[in-house]
Amino acid sequence: MARKPIPVALADSASIEIDGAVVARALGLEVAAFRQLMADRKVTVLCERGTGEDAGLYRASFYYGDRKARLVVGQDGRVVSA
C-alpha cells in the first residue's frame, strides 16, 4: 500500500532574538561558552507559537545535554516568564 504525504501549511516564519546571556544563565553556562556551543550546534532549540489567549507569545526551549531552559517571550524577544 502506497503512503500518501500529509500536506502541512506553515505560517510566516517569525524571527525572534533572545538575549543569549539570559539563556546561558538559565542553562548554568558562561555566556562565551553558551555562544560557542550555539555556534557548534550543540544546543538545540524548539520554538512554539502561542495561540488563542497566548497569541503573540512564543515558548523557546533550549536543550544542552541534560540541561533545559524554557522561556516565554514576546515577538520582541523580551522574556515574559522563565
N, C-alpha and C. Protein backbone atom coordinates (compact mmCIF):
# COMPACT_ATOMS: atom_id res chain seq x y z
N MET A 1 0.84 -1.17 0.00
CA MET A 1 0.00 0.00 0.00
C MET A 1 0.90 1.25 0.00
N ALA A 2 0.68 2.12 -0.97
CA ALA A 2 1.48 3.34 -1.08
C ALA A 2 1.06 4.35 -0.02
N ARG A 3 2.03 5.00 0.57
CA ARG A 3 1.75 6.02 1.58
C ARG A 3 1.62 7.36 0.89
N LYS A 4 0.64 8.12 1.31
CA LYS A 4 0.44 9.45 0.75
C LYS A 4 0.93 10.49 1.75
N PRO A 5 1.64 11.50 1.27
CA PRO A 5 2.10 12.55 2.18
C PRO A 5 0.92 13.36 2.72
N ILE A 6 1.10 13.87 3.91
CA ILE A 6 0.09 14.72 4.53
C ILE A 6 0.52 16.17 4.34
N PRO A 7 -0.30 16.98 3.69
CA PRO A 7 0.08 18.39 3.50
C PRO A 7 0.05 19.16 4.82
N VAL A 8 1.05 19.98 5.03
CA VAL A 8 1.13 20.80 6.23
C VAL A 8 1.34 22.24 5.79
N ALA A 9 0.47 23.12 6.24
CA ALA A 9 0.61 24.55 5.91
C ALA A 9 1.37 25.24 7.03
N LEU A 10 2.44 25.90 6.69
CA LEU A 10 3.24 26.62 7.67
C LEU A 10 2.92 28.11 7.60
N ALA A 11 2.85 28.72 8.76
CA ALA A 11 2.60 30.16 8.82
C ALA A 11 3.91 30.89 8.53
N ASP A 12 3.82 32.19 8.40
CA ASP A 12 5.02 33.01 8.19
C ASP A 12 6.03 32.71 9.29
N SER A 13 7.26 32.62 8.92
CA SER A 13 8.32 32.38 9.89
C SER A 13 8.67 33.69 10.58
N ALA A 14 8.55 33.68 11.87
CA ALA A 14 8.92 34.85 12.66
C ALA A 14 10.39 34.74 13.02
N SER A 15 11.03 35.86 13.14
CA SER A 15 12.42 35.89 13.58
C SER A 15 12.44 36.59 14.94
N ILE A 16 12.89 35.86 15.95
CA ILE A 16 12.92 36.40 17.30
C ILE A 16 14.34 36.28 17.82
N GLU A 17 14.82 37.34 18.42
CA GLU A 17 16.15 37.31 19.03
C GLU A 17 15.99 37.38 20.54
N ILE A 18 16.60 36.42 21.21
CA ILE A 18 16.55 36.34 22.66
C ILE A 18 17.95 36.58 23.19
N ASP A 19 18.07 37.36 24.23
CA ASP A 19 19.37 37.67 24.83
C ASP A 19 20.06 36.38 25.26
N GLY A 20 21.21 36.11 24.66
CA GLY A 20 21.96 34.89 24.96
C GLY A 20 22.39 34.79 26.40
N ALA A 21 22.61 35.93 27.06
CA ALA A 21 23.02 35.91 28.47
C ALA A 21 21.91 35.33 29.34
N VAL A 22 20.66 35.62 28.99
CA VAL A 22 19.52 35.10 29.75
C VAL A 22 19.46 33.58 29.60
N VAL A 23 19.64 33.11 28.39
CA VAL A 23 19.59 31.66 28.14
C VAL A 23 20.78 30.97 28.80
N ALA A 24 21.96 31.55 28.66
CA ALA A 24 23.17 30.97 29.26
C ALA A 24 22.98 30.81 30.77
N ARG A 25 22.48 31.85 31.42
CA ARG A 25 22.25 31.81 32.86
C ARG A 25 21.26 30.69 33.21
N ALA A 26 20.18 30.59 32.43
CA ALA A 26 19.16 29.57 32.70
C ALA A 26 19.72 28.15 32.52
N LEU A 27 20.71 28.00 31.64
CA LEU A 27 21.35 26.69 31.43
C LEU A 27 22.52 26.45 32.38
N GLY A 28 22.87 27.47 33.18
CA GLY A 28 24.00 27.34 34.09
C GLY A 28 25.34 27.39 33.38
N LEU A 29 25.42 28.17 32.30
CA LEU A 29 26.65 28.27 31.50
C LEU A 29 27.15 29.72 31.48
N GLU A 30 28.44 29.86 31.23
CA GLU A 30 29.01 31.18 30.97
C GLU A 30 28.54 31.61 29.59
N VAL A 31 28.39 32.91 29.38
CA VAL A 31 27.88 33.43 28.10
C VAL A 31 28.77 33.01 26.94
N ALA A 32 30.08 33.14 27.09
CA ALA A 32 31.00 32.79 25.99
C ALA A 32 30.89 31.30 25.65
N ALA A 33 30.78 30.47 26.68
CA ALA A 33 30.64 29.02 26.44
C ALA A 33 29.32 28.72 25.74
N PHE A 34 28.25 29.39 26.16
CA PHE A 34 26.95 29.20 25.52
C PHE A 34 27.00 29.60 24.05
N ARG A 35 27.58 30.75 23.76
CA ARG A 35 27.67 31.21 22.38
C ARG A 35 28.47 30.23 21.52
N GLN A 36 29.54 29.67 22.07
CA GLN A 36 30.35 28.70 21.32
C GLN A 36 29.55 27.41 21.09
N LEU A 37 28.83 26.97 22.10
CA LEU A 37 28.00 25.77 21.95
C LEU A 37 26.92 26.00 20.90
N MET A 38 26.34 27.19 20.86
CA MET A 38 25.35 27.51 19.82
C MET A 38 26.01 27.46 18.45
N ALA A 39 27.20 28.07 18.33
CA ALA A 39 27.91 28.09 17.05
C ALA A 39 28.27 26.67 16.60
N ASP A 40 28.58 25.81 17.57
CA ASP A 40 28.94 24.42 17.26
C ASP A 40 27.71 23.53 17.10
N ARG A 41 26.53 24.13 17.22
CA ARG A 41 25.25 23.43 17.09
C ARG A 41 25.09 22.30 18.12
N LYS A 42 25.58 22.57 19.32
CA LYS A 42 25.48 21.60 20.42
C LYS A 42 24.27 21.90 21.30
N VAL A 43 23.67 23.07 21.12
CA VAL A 43 22.45 23.44 21.83
C VAL A 43 21.31 23.35 20.82
N THR A 44 20.26 22.65 21.19
CA THR A 44 19.11 22.57 20.30
C THR A 44 18.00 23.47 20.83
N VAL A 45 17.18 23.94 19.91
CA VAL A 45 16.13 24.89 20.26
C VAL A 45 14.81 24.43 19.64
N LEU A 46 13.77 24.51 20.44
CA LEU A 46 12.41 24.28 19.96
C LEU A 46 11.63 25.54 20.27
N CYS A 47 10.99 26.11 19.27
CA CYS A 47 10.20 27.33 19.46
C CYS A 47 8.76 27.06 19.07
N GLU A 48 7.85 27.36 19.98
CA GLU A 48 6.42 27.13 19.76
C GLU A 48 5.68 28.46 19.80
N ARG A 49 4.76 28.65 18.89
CA ARG A 49 3.99 29.89 18.81
C ARG A 49 2.69 29.73 19.58
N GLY A 50 2.37 30.72 20.41
CA GLY A 50 1.14 30.69 21.18
C GLY A 50 -0.07 30.95 20.30
N THR A 51 -1.21 30.39 20.71
CA THR A 51 -2.47 30.61 20.01
C THR A 51 -3.52 31.06 21.02
N GLY A 52 -4.65 31.52 20.52
CA GLY A 52 -5.72 31.95 21.41
C GLY A 52 -5.27 33.08 22.32
N GLU A 53 -5.45 32.90 23.62
CA GLU A 53 -5.07 33.96 24.57
C GLU A 53 -3.55 34.13 24.66
N ASP A 54 -2.79 33.18 24.14
CA ASP A 54 -1.32 33.28 24.12
C ASP A 54 -0.77 33.77 22.79
N ALA A 55 -1.65 34.22 21.90
CA ALA A 55 -1.20 34.73 20.60
C ALA A 55 -0.22 35.88 20.83
N GLY A 56 0.83 35.90 20.05
CA GLY A 56 1.86 36.93 20.19
C GLY A 56 2.98 36.54 21.13
N LEU A 57 2.84 35.37 21.77
CA LEU A 57 3.88 34.86 22.65
C LEU A 57 4.51 33.62 22.03
N TYR A 58 5.74 33.36 22.41
CA TYR A 58 6.48 32.19 21.92
C TYR A 58 7.13 31.50 23.11
N ARG A 59 7.13 30.17 23.09
CA ARG A 59 7.84 29.41 24.11
C ARG A 59 9.08 28.84 23.45
N ALA A 60 10.23 29.25 23.93
CA ALA A 60 11.51 28.78 23.39
C ALA A 60 12.16 27.86 24.41
N SER A 61 12.42 26.64 23.99
CA SER A 61 13.07 25.66 24.85
C SER A 61 14.46 25.38 24.30
N PHE A 62 15.46 25.51 25.15
CA PHE A 62 16.86 25.29 24.78
C PHE A 62 17.34 24.05 25.52
N TYR A 63 18.01 23.15 24.79
CA TYR A 63 18.49 21.89 25.37
C TYR A 63 19.98 21.75 25.15
N TYR A 64 20.69 21.40 26.22
CA TYR A 64 22.11 21.09 26.12
C TYR A 64 22.38 19.94 27.09
N GLY A 65 22.73 18.78 26.57
CA GLY A 65 22.93 17.61 27.43
C GLY A 65 21.67 17.33 28.22
N ASP A 66 21.80 17.26 29.54
CA ASP A 66 20.64 17.02 30.39
C ASP A 66 20.05 18.32 30.93
N ARG A 67 20.49 19.44 30.39
CA ARG A 67 20.00 20.75 30.84
C ARG A 67 18.91 21.27 29.91
N LYS A 68 17.94 21.97 30.49
CA LYS A 68 16.86 22.55 29.70
C LYS A 68 16.53 23.93 30.25
N ALA A 69 16.33 24.88 29.36
CA ALA A 69 15.86 26.21 29.73
C ALA A 69 14.65 26.52 28.88
N ARG A 70 13.57 26.92 29.51
CA ARG A 70 12.34 27.22 28.78
C ARG A 70 11.94 28.65 29.12
N LEU A 71 11.78 29.46 28.07
CA LEU A 71 11.42 30.87 28.24
C LEU A 71 10.18 31.18 27.42
N VAL A 72 9.31 31.99 27.96
CA VAL A 72 8.20 32.52 27.19
C VAL A 72 8.57 33.96 26.86
N VAL A 73 8.54 34.28 25.57
CA VAL A 73 8.96 35.61 25.11
C VAL A 73 7.90 36.21 24.21
N GLY A 74 7.96 37.55 24.12
CA GLY A 74 7.12 38.25 23.17
C GLY A 74 7.79 38.30 21.81
N GLN A 75 7.13 38.89 20.84
CA GLN A 75 7.69 38.97 19.49
C GLN A 75 8.98 39.78 19.45
N ASP A 76 9.18 40.65 20.44
CA ASP A 76 10.39 41.46 20.51
C ASP A 76 11.53 40.74 21.22
N GLY A 77 11.31 39.49 21.66
CA GLY A 77 12.34 38.72 22.35
C GLY A 77 12.41 38.99 23.84
N ARG A 78 11.57 39.89 24.32
CA ARG A 78 11.56 40.20 25.76
C ARG A 78 10.98 39.02 26.52
N VAL A 79 11.68 38.61 27.57
CA VAL A 79 11.25 37.46 28.36
C VAL A 79 10.03 37.84 29.21
N VAL A 80 8.97 37.05 29.06
CA VAL A 80 7.74 37.26 29.81
C VAL A 80 7.76 36.39 31.05
N SER A 81 8.24 35.16 30.91
CA SER A 81 8.40 34.26 32.06
C SER A 81 9.47 33.23 31.73
N ALA A 82 10.09 32.75 32.81
CA ALA A 82 11.16 31.75 32.66
C ALA A 82 10.81 30.51 33.43
